[in-house]
């Protein structure tokens, strides 16, 4: 997958604390979903997921399957 991140609008969860350890999400122009680490201030790596992959990830978090151990 060759995602295009330029011009993406990144969002941080309203549940994120002030410590900077957060994940930012962007809904990309090609329909994919990008994620990155907010503490990198946009200079670090970003990954993209297809919409179906993102849905599976979110469902796993909601179901408690991907939360802290």
PDB file of N, CA and C in Angstrom:
ATOM      1  N   UNK A   1       0.857  -1.173   0.000  1.00  0.00           N
ATOM      2  CA  UNK A   1       0.000   0.000   0.000  1.00  0.00           C
ATOM      3  C   UNK A   1       0.902   1.234   0.000  1.00  0.00           C
ATOM      4  N   UNK A   2       0.646   2.140  -0.871  1.00  0.00           N
ATOM      5  CA  UNK A   2       1.426   3.370  -0.968  1.00  0.00           C
ATOM      6  C   UNK A   2       0.503   4.541  -0.634  1.00  0.00           C
ATOM      7  N   UNK A   3       0.402   4.852   0.626  1.00  0.00           N
ATOM      8  CA  UNK A   3      -0.531   5.887   1.084  1.00  0.00           C
ATOM      9  C   UNK A   3       0.050   7.280   0.889  1.00  0.00           C
ATOM     10  N   UNK A   4      -0.815   8.226   0.676  1.00  0.00           N
ATOM     11  CA  UNK A   4      -0.441   9.631   0.531  1.00  0.00           C
ATOM     12  C   UNK A   4      -0.862  10.367   1.800  1.00  0.00           C
ATOM     13  N   UNK A   5       0.113  10.853   2.585  1.00  0.00           N
ATOM     14  CA  UNK A   5      -0.168  11.527   3.845  1.00  0.00           C
ATOM     15  C   UNK A   5      -0.158  13.045   3.732  1.00  0.00           C
ATOM     16  N   UNK A   6       0.369  13.593   2.658  1.00  0.00           N
ATOM     17  CA  UNK A   6       0.454  15.048   2.565  1.00  0.00           C
ATOM     18  C   UNK A   6      -0.946  15.659   2.518  1.00  0.00           C
ATOM     19  N   UNK A   7      -1.134  16.682   3.276  1.00  0.00           N
ATOM     20  CA  UNK A   7      -2.422  17.366   3.338  1.00  0.00           C
ATOM     21  C   UNK A   7      -3.446  16.695   4.221  1.00  0.00           C
ATOM     22  N   UNK A   8      -3.074  15.594   4.868  1.00  0.00           N
ATOM     23  CA  UNK A   8      -4.018  14.880   5.732  1.00  0.00           C
ATOM     24  C   UNK A   8      -4.297  15.699   6.992  1.00  0.00           C
ATOM     25  N   UNK A   9      -5.513  15.630   7.474  1.00  0.00           N
ATOM     26  CA  UNK A   9      -5.911  16.273   8.734  1.00  0.00           C
ATOM     27  C   UNK A   9      -5.824  15.221   9.830  1.00  0.00           C
ATOM     28  N   UNK A  10      -4.906  15.405  10.766  1.00  0.00           N
ATOM     29  CA  UNK A  10      -4.671  14.426  11.829  1.00  0.00           C
ATOM     30  C   UNK A  10      -5.490  14.783  13.061  1.00  0.00           C
ATOM     31  N   UNK A  11      -6.014  13.759  13.729  1.00  0.00           N
ATOM     32  CA  UNK A  11      -6.852  13.930  14.917  1.00  0.00           C
ATOM     33  C   UNK A  11      -6.291  13.100  16.058  1.00  0.00           C
ATOM     34  N   UNK A  12      -6.340  13.675  17.251  1.00  0.00           N
ATOM     35  CA  UNK A  12      -5.934  12.972  18.457  1.00  0.00           C
ATOM     36  C   UNK A  12      -7.175  12.745  19.303  1.00  0.00           C
ATOM     37  N   UNK A  13      -7.255  11.609  19.953  1.00  0.00           N
ATOM     38  CA  UNK A  13      -8.417  11.278  20.772  1.00  0.00           C
ATOM     39  C   UNK A  13      -8.637  12.307  21.872  1.00  0.00           C
ATOM     40  N   UNK A  14      -9.900  12.585  22.153  1.00  0.00           N
ATOM     41  CA  UNK A  14     -10.228  13.484  23.263  1.00  0.00           C
ATOM     42  C   UNK A  14      -9.897  12.835  24.601  1.00  0.00           C
ATOM     43  N   UNK A  15      -9.627  11.534  24.596  1.00  0.00           N
ATOM     44  CA  UNK A  15      -9.256  10.815  25.820  1.00  0.00           C
ATOM     45  C   UNK A  15      -7.751  10.863  26.067  1.00  0.00           C
ATOM     46  N   UNK A  16      -6.995  11.461  25.165  1.00  0.00           N
ATOM     47  CA  UNK A  16      -5.545  11.531  25.300  1.00  0.00           C
ATOM     48  C   UNK A  16      -5.169  12.483  26.428  1.00  0.00           C
ATOM     49  N   UNK A  17      -4.139  12.106  27.135  1.00  0.00           N
ATOM     50  CA  UNK A  17      -3.655  12.942  28.223  1.00  0.00           C
ATOM     51  C   UNK A  17      -2.619  13.931  27.734  1.00  0.00           C
ATOM     52  N   UNK A  18      -2.138  14.791  28.622  1.00  0.00           N
ATOM     53  CA  UNK A  18      -1.172  15.825  28.251  1.00  0.00           C
ATOM     54  C   UNK A  18       0.260  15.310  28.126  1.00  0.00           C
ATOM     55  N   UNK A  19       0.504  14.022  28.397  1.00  0.00           N
ATOM     56  CA  UNK A  19       1.866  13.495  28.393  1.00  0.00           C
ATOM     57  C   UNK A  19       2.437  13.255  27.006  1.00  0.00           C
ATOM     58  N   UNK A  20       1.635  13.383  25.961  1.00  0.00           N
ATOM     59  CA  UNK A  20       2.125  13.252  24.599  1.00  0.00           C
ATOM     60  C   UNK A  20       2.237  11.832  24.086  1.00  0.00           C
ATOM     61  N   UNK A  21       1.790  10.857  24.857  1.00  0.00           N
ATOM     62  CA  UNK A  21       1.843   9.461  24.422  1.00  0.00           C
ATOM     63  C   UNK A  21       0.514   9.090  23.791  1.00  0.00           C
ATOM     64  N   UNK A  22       0.318   9.538  22.573  1.00  0.00           N
ATOM     65  CA  UNK A  22      -0.968   9.365  21.914  1.00  0.00           C
ATOM     66  C   UNK A  22      -0.769   8.921  20.469  1.00  0.00           C
ATOM     67  N   UNK A  23      -1.811   8.377  19.936  1.00  0.00           N
ATOM     68  CA  UNK A  23      -1.833   8.010  18.529  1.00  0.00           C
ATOM     69  C   UNK A  23      -2.765   8.978  17.815  1.00  0.00           C
ATOM     70  N   UNK A  24      -2.324   9.466  16.673  1.00  0.00           N
ATOM     71  CA  UNK A  24      -3.161  10.337  15.855  1.00  0.00           C
ATOM     72  C   UNK A  24      -3.671   9.548  14.658  1.00  0.00           C
ATOM     73  N   UNK A  25      -4.864   9.896  14.210  1.00  0.00           N
ATOM     74  CA  UNK A  25      -5.518   9.210  13.102  1.00  0.00           C
ATOM     75  C   UNK A  25      -5.867  10.229  12.031  1.00  0.00           C
ATOM     76  N   UNK A  26      -5.737   9.828  10.777  1.00  0.00           N
ATOM     77  CA  UNK A  26      -6.149  10.670   9.650  1.00  0.00           C
ATOM     78  C   UNK A  26      -6.938   9.814   8.672  1.00  0.00           C
ATOM     79  N   UNK A  27      -8.051  10.348   8.210  1.00  0.00           N
ATOM     80  CA  UNK A  27      -8.835   9.679   7.181  1.00  0.00           C
ATOM     81  C   UNK A  27      -8.332  10.227   5.851  1.00  0.00           C
ATOM     82  N   UNK A  28      -7.614   9.395   5.113  1.00  0.00           N
ATOM     83  CA  UNK A  28      -6.872   9.818   3.935  1.00  0.00           C
ATOM     84  C   UNK A  28      -7.757   9.950   2.707  1.00  0.00           C
ATOM     85  N   UNK A  29      -7.271  10.713   1.761  1.00  0.00           N
ATOM     86  CA  UNK A  29      -8.022  11.016   0.548  1.00  0.00           C
ATOM     87  C   UNK A  29      -8.287   9.769  -0.299  1.00  0.00           C
ATOM     88  N   UNK A  30      -7.418   8.744  -0.178  1.00  0.00           N
ATOM     89  CA  UNK A  30      -7.599   7.526  -0.964  1.00  0.00           C
ATOM     90  C   UNK A  30      -8.531   6.524  -0.298  1.00  0.00           C
ATOM     91  N   UNK A  31      -9.137   6.916   0.847  1.00  0.00           N
ATOM     92  CA  UNK A  31     -10.066   6.037   1.555  1.00  0.00           C
ATOM     93  C   UNK A  31      -9.427   5.244   2.673  1.00  0.00           C
ATOM     94  N   UNK A  32      -8.098   5.245   2.738  1.00  0.00           N
ATOM     95  CA  UNK A  32      -7.408   4.522   3.801  1.00  0.00           C
ATOM     96  C   UNK A  32      -7.372   5.356   5.076  1.00  0.00           C
ATOM     97  N   UNK A  33      -6.910   4.725   6.155  1.00  0.00           N
ATOM     98  CA  UNK A  33      -6.813   5.393   7.456  1.00  0.00           C
ATOM     99  C   UNK A  33      -5.352   5.380   7.875  1.00  0.00           C
ATOM    100  N   UNK A  34      -4.807   6.558   8.175  1.00  0.00           N
ATOM    101  CA  UNK A  34      -3.420   6.667   8.612  1.00  0.00           C
ATOM    102  C   UNK A  34      -3.336   6.789  10.120  1.00  0.00           C
ATOM    103  N   UNK A  35      -2.253   6.264  10.687  1.00  0.00           N
ATOM    104  CA  UNK A  35      -1.978   6.447  12.115  1.00  0.00           C
ATOM    105  C   UNK A  35      -0.514   6.845  12.267  1.00  0.00           C
ATOM    106  N   UNK A  36      -0.252   7.615  13.327  1.00  0.00           N
ATOM    107  CA  UNK A  36       1.111   8.004  13.655  1.00  0.00           C
ATOM    108  C   UNK A  36       1.183   8.311  15.148  1.00  0.00           C
ATOM    109  N   UNK A  37       2.389   8.370  15.670  1.00  0.00           N
ATOM    110  CA  UNK A  37       2.637   8.686  17.072  1.00  0.00           C
ATOM    111  C   UNK A  37       2.683  10.201  17.220  1.00  0.00           C
ATOM    112  N   UNK A  38       1.860  10.751  18.081  1.00  0.00           N
ATOM    113  CA  UNK A  38       1.769  12.209  18.200  1.00  0.00           C
ATOM    114  C   UNK A  38       3.034  12.848  18.769  1.00  0.00           C
ATOM    115  N   UNK A  39       3.813  12.118  19.549  1.00  0.00           N
ATOM    116  CA  UNK A  39       4.997  12.737  20.146  1.00  0.00           C
ATOM    117  C   UNK A  39       6.102  13.001  19.122  1.00  0.00           C
ATOM    118  N   UNK A  40       5.979  12.430  17.913  1.00  0.00           N
ATOM    119  CA  UNK A  40       6.944  12.698  16.855  1.00  0.00           C
ATOM    120  C   UNK A  40       6.671  14.009  16.138  1.00  0.00           C
ATOM    121  N   UNK A  41       5.588  14.682  16.490  1.00  0.00           N
ATOM    122  CA  UNK A  41       5.227  15.986  15.923  1.00  0.00           C
ATOM    123  C   UNK A  41       5.189  15.975  14.393  1.00  0.00           C
ATOM    124  N   UNK A  42       4.710  14.878  13.836  1.00  0.00           N
ATOM    125  CA  UNK A  42       4.553  14.798  12.396  1.00  0.00           C
ATOM    126  C   UNK A  42       5.808  14.446  11.626  1.00  0.00           C
ATOM    127  N   UNK A  43       6.938  14.252  12.312  1.00  0.00           N
ATOM    128  CA  UNK A  43       8.171  13.954  11.606  1.00  0.00           C
ATOM    129  C   UNK A  43       8.518  12.469  11.605  1.00  0.00           C
ATOM    130  N   UNK A  44       7.771  11.679  12.348  1.00  0.00           N
ATOM    131  CA  UNK A  44       8.051  10.249  12.436  1.00  0.00           C
ATOM    132  C   UNK A  44       7.288   9.462  11.387  1.00  0.00           C
ATOM    133  N   UNK A  45       7.401   8.151  11.454  1.00  0.00           N
ATOM    134  CA  UNK A  45       6.723   7.300  10.479  1.00  0.00           C
ATOM    135  C   UNK A  45       5.209   7.298  10.684  1.00  0.00           C
ATOM    136  N   UNK A  46       4.516   6.993   9.620  1.00  0.00           N
ATOM    137  CA  UNK A  46       3.062   6.835   9.661  1.00  0.00           C
ATOM    138  C   UNK A  46       2.726   5.549   8.919  1.00  0.00           C
ATOM    139  N   UNK A  47       1.638   4.931   9.306  1.00  0.00           N
ATOM    140  CA  UNK A  47       1.178   3.711   8.659  1.00  0.00           C
ATOM    141  C   UNK A  47      -0.230   3.935   8.142  1.00  0.00           C
ATOM    142  N   UNK A  48      -0.590   3.192   7.110  1.00  0.00           N
ATOM    143  CA  UNK A  48      -1.939   3.306   6.558  1.00  0.00           C
ATOM    144  C   UNK A  48      -2.603   1.940   6.538  1.00  0.00           C
ATOM    145  N   UNK A  49      -3.897   1.941   6.769  1.00  0.00           N
ATOM    146  CA  UNK A  49      -4.692   0.722   6.761  1.00  0.00           C
ATOM    147  C   UNK A  49      -5.873   0.889   5.823  1.00  0.00           C
ATOM    148  N   UNK A  50      -6.233  -0.185   5.165  1.00  0.00           N
ATOM    149  CA  UNK A  50      -7.440  -0.191   4.344  1.00  0.00           C
ATOM    150  C   UNK A  50      -8.643  -0.058   5.274  1.00  0.00           C
ATOM    151  N   UNK A  51      -9.763   0.466   4.788  1.00  0.00           N
ATOM    152  CA  UNK A  51     -10.932   0.661   5.652  1.00  0.00           C
ATOM    153  C   UNK A  51     -11.358  -0.603   6.408  1.00  0.00           C
ATOM    154  N   UNK A  52     -11.350  -1.750   5.768  1.00  0.00           N
ATOM    155  CA  UNK A  52     -11.741  -2.988   6.440  1.00  0.00           C
ATOM    156  C   UNK A  52     -10.781  -3.375   7.551  1.00  0.00           C
ATOM    157  N   UNK A  53      -9.485  -3.161   7.327  1.00  0.00           N
ATOM    158  CA  UNK A  53      -8.486  -3.434   8.362  1.00  0.00           C
ATOM    159  C   UNK A  53      -8.693  -2.520   9.557  1.00  0.00           C
ATOM    160  N   UNK A  54      -8.981  -1.257   9.294  1.00  0.00           N
ATOM    161  CA  UNK A  54      -9.229  -0.293  10.363  1.00  0.00           C
ATOM    162  C   UNK A  54     -10.467  -0.703  11.172  1.00  0.00           C
ATOM    163  N   UNK A  55     -11.520  -1.136  10.496  1.00  0.00           N
ATOM    164  CA  UNK A  55     -12.745  -1.569  11.184  1.00  0.00           C
ATOM    165  C   UNK A  55     -12.471  -2.738  12.121  1.00  0.00           C
ATOM    166  N   UNK A  56     -11.657  -3.693  11.679  1.00  0.00           N
ATOM    167  CA  UNK A  56     -11.304  -4.844  12.524  1.00  0.00           C
ATOM    168  C   UNK A  56     -10.504  -4.376  13.735  1.00  0.00           C
ATOM    169  N   UNK A  57      -9.561  -3.461  13.531  1.00  0.00           N
ATOM    170  CA  UNK A  57      -8.763  -2.927  14.631  1.00  0.00           C
ATOM    171  C   UNK A  57      -9.647  -2.235  15.661  1.00  0.00           C
ATOM    172  N   UNK A  58     -10.516  -1.340  15.209  1.00  0.00           N
ATOM    173  CA  UNK A  58     -11.392  -0.601  16.126  1.00  0.00           C
ATOM    174  C   UNK A  58     -12.309  -1.565  16.882  1.00  0.00           C
ATOM    175  N   UNK A  59     -12.854  -2.547  16.192  1.00  0.00           N
ATOM    176  CA  UNK A  59     -13.721  -3.532  16.854  1.00  0.00           C
ATOM    177  C   UNK A  59     -12.951  -4.286  17.931  1.00  0.00           C
ATOM    178  N   UNK A  60     -11.689  -4.609  17.666  1.00  0.00           N
ATOM    179  CA  UNK A  60     -10.870  -5.291  18.667  1.00  0.00           C
ATOM    180  C   UNK A  60     -10.618  -4.432  19.888  1.00  0.00           C
ATOM    181  N   UNK A  61     -10.404  -3.150  19.689  1.00  0.00           N
ATOM    182  CA  UNK A  61     -10.210  -2.237  20.823  1.00  0.00           C
ATOM    183  C   UNK A  61     -11.503  -2.129  21.633  1.00  0.00           C
ATOM    184  N   UNK A  62     -12.616  -1.934  20.952  1.00  0.00           N
ATOM    185  CA  UNK A  62     -13.910  -1.799  21.624  1.00  0.00           C
ATOM    186  C   UNK A  62     -14.243  -3.059  22.416  1.00  0.00           C
ATOM    187  N   UNK A  63     -13.926  -4.223  21.859  1.00  0.00           N
ATOM    188  CA  UNK A  63     -14.211  -5.496  22.526  1.00  0.00           C
ATOM    189  C   UNK A  63     -13.225  -5.824  23.640  1.00  0.00           C
ATOM    190  N   UNK A  64     -12.201  -4.988  23.807  1.00  0.00           N
ATOM    191  CA  UNK A  64     -11.198  -5.222  24.852  1.00  0.00           C
ATOM    192  C   UNK A  64     -10.131  -6.233  24.463  1.00  0.00           C
ATOM    193  N   UNK A  65     -10.064  -6.619  23.211  1.00  0.00           N
ATOM    194  CA  UNK A  65      -9.101  -7.610  22.761  1.00  0.00           C
ATOM    195  C   UNK A  65      -7.728  -7.003  22.508  1.00  0.00           C
ATOM    196  N   UNK A  66      -7.642  -5.685  22.381  1.00  0.00           N
ATOM    197  CA  UNK A  66      -6.369  -5.037  22.067  1.00  0.00           C
ATOM    198  C   UNK A  66      -5.960  -4.010  23.107  1.00  0.00           C
ATOM    199  N   UNK A  67      -6.545  -4.060  24.271  1.00  0.00           N
ATOM    200  CA  UNK A  67      -6.222  -3.106  25.313  1.00  0.00           C
ATOM    201  C   UNK A  67      -4.980  -3.515  26.088  1.00  0.00           C
ATOM    202  N   UNK A  68      -4.660  -2.773  27.121  1.00  0.00           N
ATOM    203  CA  UNK A  68      -3.494  -3.094  27.951  1.00  0.00           C
ATOM    204  C   UNK A  68      -3.631  -4.477  28.577  1.00  0.00           C
ATOM    205  N   UNK A  69      -2.490  -5.122  28.738  1.00  0.00           N
ATOM    206  CA  UNK A  69      -2.469  -6.479  29.328  1.00  0.00           C
ATOM    207  C   UNK A  69      -2.648  -6.415  30.819  1.00  0.00           C
TER     208      UNK A  69
END
